[in-house]
Amino acid sequence: MTRPGKTQAGWPVWKIFLALYPFGAGAFAVNVFFLSLIWSWMGYPVLSTGWSILGGSLLAIPATWWFSGHIRNLMDEADAKT
């Protein structure tokens, strides 16, 4: 969010998203795989590495976008205090 009368300093949300997305996708891929391991105890199949990476990559898009907006908001709050 841009404050009235001020220009936004620092990176926009989309740049923060692009910087953080590889980390988010990797984290989500590992979590999807571990979730499939837990599901295997209930009789479901364990996901392959490819499916885990695909699922993690898709789930990471909205999560990383939300987190990038949160980081941008924290940057704006810190700038407002100075």
N, C-alpha and C. Protein backbone atom coordinates (compact mmCIF):
# COMPACT_ATOMS: atom_id res chain seq x y z
N MET A 1 0.84 -1.19 0.00
CA MET A 1 0.00 0.00 0.00
C MET A 1 0.89 1.25 0.00
N THR A 2 0.58 2.13 -0.87
CA THR A 2 1.35 3.36 -0.96
C THR A 2 0.70 4.43 -0.09
N ARG A 3 1.53 5.10 0.67
CA ARG A 3 1.00 6.17 1.51
C ARG A 3 0.69 7.38 0.63
N PRO A 4 -0.37 8.12 0.93
CA PRO A 4 -0.70 9.30 0.12
C PRO A 4 0.42 10.33 0.17
N GLY A 5 0.77 10.82 -0.99
CA GLY A 5 1.77 11.87 -1.06
C GLY A 5 3.21 11.38 -1.02
N LYS A 6 3.42 10.08 -0.95
CA LYS A 6 4.79 9.55 -0.90
C LYS A 6 4.94 8.49 -1.98
N THR A 7 6.14 8.41 -2.50
CA THR A 7 6.43 7.34 -3.45
C THR A 7 6.91 6.13 -2.66
N GLN A 8 6.62 4.97 -3.19
CA GLN A 8 6.98 3.74 -2.51
C GLN A 8 8.46 3.47 -2.72
N ALA A 9 9.19 3.37 -1.61
CA ALA A 9 10.62 3.08 -1.68
C ALA A 9 10.83 1.58 -1.63
N GLY A 10 11.85 1.11 -2.31
CA GLY A 10 12.15 -0.32 -2.27
C GLY A 10 11.49 -1.09 -3.39
N TRP A 11 11.54 -2.38 -3.25
CA TRP A 11 11.02 -3.28 -4.29
C TRP A 11 9.50 -3.35 -4.27
N PRO A 12 8.88 -3.44 -5.45
CA PRO A 12 7.44 -3.71 -5.49
C PRO A 12 7.17 -5.18 -5.16
N VAL A 13 5.91 -5.49 -4.93
CA VAL A 13 5.52 -6.85 -4.52
C VAL A 13 5.96 -7.89 -5.54
N TRP A 14 5.84 -7.60 -6.82
CA TRP A 14 6.16 -8.62 -7.83
C TRP A 14 7.64 -8.97 -7.82
N LYS A 15 8.52 -8.00 -7.52
CA LYS A 15 9.95 -8.31 -7.45
C LYS A 15 10.27 -9.15 -6.22
N ILE A 16 9.62 -8.83 -5.11
CA ILE A 16 9.80 -9.63 -3.90
C ILE A 16 9.31 -11.05 -4.16
N PHE A 17 8.17 -11.17 -4.85
CA PHE A 17 7.63 -12.48 -5.20
C PHE A 17 8.63 -13.28 -6.02
N LEU A 18 9.20 -12.66 -7.05
CA LEU A 18 10.16 -13.38 -7.91
C LEU A 18 11.41 -13.81 -7.14
N ALA A 19 11.81 -13.01 -6.17
CA ALA A 19 12.99 -13.36 -5.38
C ALA A 19 12.69 -14.51 -4.41
N LEU A 20 11.49 -14.54 -3.87
CA LEU A 20 11.15 -15.54 -2.84
C LEU A 20 10.53 -16.81 -3.40
N TYR A 21 10.02 -16.77 -4.63
CA TYR A 21 9.30 -17.93 -5.17
C TYR A 21 10.12 -19.22 -5.20
N PRO A 22 11.39 -19.21 -5.60
CA PRO A 22 12.13 -20.48 -5.60
C PRO A 22 12.20 -21.13 -4.21
N PHE A 23 12.33 -20.31 -3.17
CA PHE A 23 12.37 -20.85 -1.82
C PHE A 23 11.00 -21.39 -1.39
N GLY A 24 9.95 -20.65 -1.74
CA GLY A 24 8.60 -21.11 -1.41
C GLY A 24 8.24 -22.38 -2.15
N ALA A 25 8.60 -22.45 -3.42
CA ALA A 25 8.29 -23.65 -4.20
C ALA A 25 9.03 -24.87 -3.65
N GLY A 26 10.28 -24.69 -3.28
CA GLY A 26 11.03 -25.80 -2.70
C GLY A 26 10.46 -26.26 -1.38
N ALA A 27 10.11 -25.30 -0.54
CA ALA A 27 9.53 -25.65 0.76
C ALA A 27 8.19 -26.36 0.60
N PHE A 28 7.36 -25.86 -0.30
CA PHE A 28 6.07 -26.51 -0.52
C PHE A 28 6.23 -27.89 -1.14
N ALA A 29 7.20 -28.07 -2.02
CA ALA A 29 7.41 -29.39 -2.63
C ALA A 29 7.79 -30.41 -1.56
N VAL A 30 8.68 -30.03 -0.65
CA VAL A 30 9.07 -30.94 0.43
C VAL A 30 7.87 -31.24 1.31
N ASN A 31 7.08 -30.22 1.64
CA ASN A 31 5.91 -30.43 2.50
C ASN A 31 4.86 -31.31 1.83
N VAL A 32 4.66 -31.14 0.53
CA VAL A 32 3.70 -31.99 -0.19
C VAL A 32 4.17 -33.44 -0.17
N PHE A 33 5.47 -33.65 -0.38
CA PHE A 33 6.00 -35.01 -0.35
C PHE A 33 5.84 -35.63 1.04
N PHE A 34 6.18 -34.88 2.09
CA PHE A 34 6.04 -35.41 3.45
C PHE A 34 4.57 -35.67 3.79
N LEU A 35 3.69 -34.83 3.30
CA LEU A 35 2.26 -35.07 3.51
C LEU A 35 1.83 -36.37 2.84
N SER A 36 2.37 -36.65 1.66
CA SER A 36 2.03 -37.90 0.99
C SER A 36 2.59 -39.10 1.76
N LEU A 37 3.72 -38.92 2.44
CA LEU A 37 4.25 -39.99 3.27
C LEU A 37 3.32 -40.28 4.45
N ILE A 38 2.79 -39.23 5.04
CA ILE A 38 1.84 -39.41 6.15
C ILE A 38 0.56 -40.07 5.64
N TRP A 39 0.09 -39.64 4.46
CA TRP A 39 -1.11 -40.25 3.88
C TRP A 39 -0.90 -41.72 3.56
N SER A 40 0.36 -42.11 3.31
CA SER A 40 0.62 -43.52 2.98
C SER A 40 0.29 -44.43 4.17
N TRP A 41 0.33 -43.90 5.37
CA TRP A 41 -0.06 -44.68 6.54
C TRP A 41 -1.55 -45.01 6.52
N MET A 42 -2.30 -44.22 5.76
CA MET A 42 -3.75 -44.47 5.66
C MET A 42 -4.10 -45.21 4.38
N GLY A 43 -3.11 -45.71 3.67
CA GLY A 43 -3.36 -46.51 2.49
C GLY A 43 -3.27 -45.79 1.16
N TYR A 44 -3.00 -44.49 1.17
CA TYR A 44 -2.87 -43.73 -0.08
C TYR A 44 -1.46 -43.90 -0.64
N PRO A 45 -1.27 -43.73 -1.94
CA PRO A 45 0.07 -43.89 -2.51
C PRO A 45 0.98 -42.70 -2.17
N VAL A 46 2.26 -42.96 -2.13
CA VAL A 46 3.25 -41.89 -1.93
C VAL A 46 3.45 -41.19 -3.27
N LEU A 47 3.46 -39.86 -3.26
CA LEU A 47 3.65 -39.11 -4.50
C LEU A 47 5.09 -39.23 -4.99
N SER A 48 5.25 -39.23 -6.28
CA SER A 48 6.60 -39.24 -6.85
C SER A 48 7.23 -37.85 -6.67
N THR A 49 8.52 -37.79 -6.92
CA THR A 49 9.22 -36.52 -6.81
C THR A 49 8.65 -35.47 -7.76
N GLY A 50 8.35 -35.90 -8.99
CA GLY A 50 7.81 -34.97 -9.98
C GLY A 50 6.47 -34.39 -9.57
N TRP A 51 5.58 -35.26 -9.08
CA TRP A 51 4.26 -34.76 -8.64
C TRP A 51 4.39 -33.86 -7.42
N SER A 52 5.33 -34.17 -6.54
CA SER A 52 5.54 -33.33 -5.36
C SER A 52 6.05 -31.95 -5.76
N ILE A 53 6.98 -31.92 -6.73
CA ILE A 53 7.50 -30.64 -7.20
C ILE A 53 6.41 -29.84 -7.90
N LEU A 54 5.62 -30.51 -8.72
CA LEU A 54 4.52 -29.81 -9.41
C LEU A 54 3.51 -29.26 -8.41
N GLY A 55 3.10 -30.09 -7.47
CA GLY A 55 2.14 -29.63 -6.45
C GLY A 55 2.69 -28.50 -5.61
N GLY A 56 3.96 -28.62 -5.21
CA GLY A 56 4.58 -27.55 -4.43
C GLY A 56 4.72 -26.27 -5.22
N SER A 57 5.03 -26.39 -6.50
CA SER A 57 5.16 -25.19 -7.34
C SER A 57 3.84 -24.47 -7.50
N LEU A 58 2.77 -25.23 -7.63
CA LEU A 58 1.44 -24.60 -7.78
C LEU A 58 0.95 -23.99 -6.47
N LEU A 59 1.15 -24.70 -5.37
CA LEU A 59 0.71 -24.17 -4.08
C LEU A 59 1.53 -22.96 -3.65
N ALA A 60 2.76 -22.88 -4.10
CA ALA A 60 3.63 -21.78 -3.69
C ALA A 60 3.25 -20.45 -4.33
N ILE A 61 2.54 -20.48 -5.44
CA ILE A 61 2.21 -19.22 -6.12
C ILE A 61 1.36 -18.31 -5.23
N PRO A 62 0.18 -18.73 -4.77
CA PRO A 62 -0.60 -17.81 -3.93
C PRO A 62 0.03 -17.55 -2.57
N ALA A 63 0.69 -18.58 -2.00
CA ALA A 63 1.30 -18.40 -0.68
C ALA A 63 2.46 -17.41 -0.74
N THR A 64 3.28 -17.51 -1.76
CA THR A 64 4.42 -16.60 -1.89
C THR A 64 3.95 -15.20 -2.25
N TRP A 65 2.89 -15.09 -3.04
CA TRP A 65 2.35 -13.77 -3.36
C TRP A 65 1.83 -13.09 -2.09
N TRP A 66 1.11 -13.85 -1.26
CA TRP A 66 0.60 -13.29 0.00
C TRP A 66 1.77 -12.87 0.88
N PHE A 67 2.78 -13.73 1.01
CA PHE A 67 3.93 -13.43 1.85
C PHE A 67 4.69 -12.22 1.33
N SER A 68 4.80 -12.08 0.01
CA SER A 68 5.47 -10.92 -0.58
C SER A 68 4.73 -9.64 -0.24
N GLY A 69 3.41 -9.68 -0.30
CA GLY A 69 2.62 -8.51 0.09
C GLY A 69 2.80 -8.17 1.56
N HIS A 70 2.90 -9.20 2.38
CA HIS A 70 3.15 -8.99 3.81
C HIS A 70 4.51 -8.32 4.04
N ILE A 71 5.52 -8.80 3.35
CA ILE A 71 6.86 -8.20 3.47
C ILE A 71 6.84 -6.75 2.99
N ARG A 72 6.15 -6.49 1.86
CA ARG A 72 6.05 -5.12 1.34
C ARG A 72 5.37 -4.21 2.37
N ASN A 73 4.32 -4.73 3.01
CA ASN A 73 3.61 -3.96 4.03
C ASN A 73 4.52 -3.66 5.22
N LEU A 74 5.31 -4.65 5.64
CA LEU A 74 6.26 -4.41 6.73
C LEU A 74 7.30 -3.37 6.35
N MET A 75 7.74 -3.39 5.08
CA MET A 75 8.69 -2.38 4.63
C MET A 75 8.05 -0.99 4.66
N ASP A 76 6.78 -0.90 4.26
CA ASP A 76 6.09 0.39 4.29
C ASP A 76 5.91 0.89 5.72
N GLU A 77 5.59 -0.02 6.64
CA GLU A 77 5.45 0.39 8.04
C GLU A 77 6.78 0.88 8.61
N ALA A 78 7.85 0.19 8.26
CA ALA A 78 9.18 0.62 8.75
C ALA A 78 9.55 1.98 8.16
N ASP A 79 9.22 2.22 6.90
CA ASP A 79 9.51 3.52 6.28
C ASP A 79 8.67 4.62 6.92
N ALA A 80 7.44 4.30 7.30
CA ALA A 80 6.56 5.32 7.89
C ALA A 80 7.07 5.75 9.26
N LYS A 81 7.76 4.87 9.97
CA LYS A 81 8.26 5.19 11.30
C LYS A 81 9.51 6.04 11.25
N THR A 82 10.17 6.11 10.10
CA THR A 82 11.41 6.90 10.02
C THR A 82 11.13 8.33 9.60
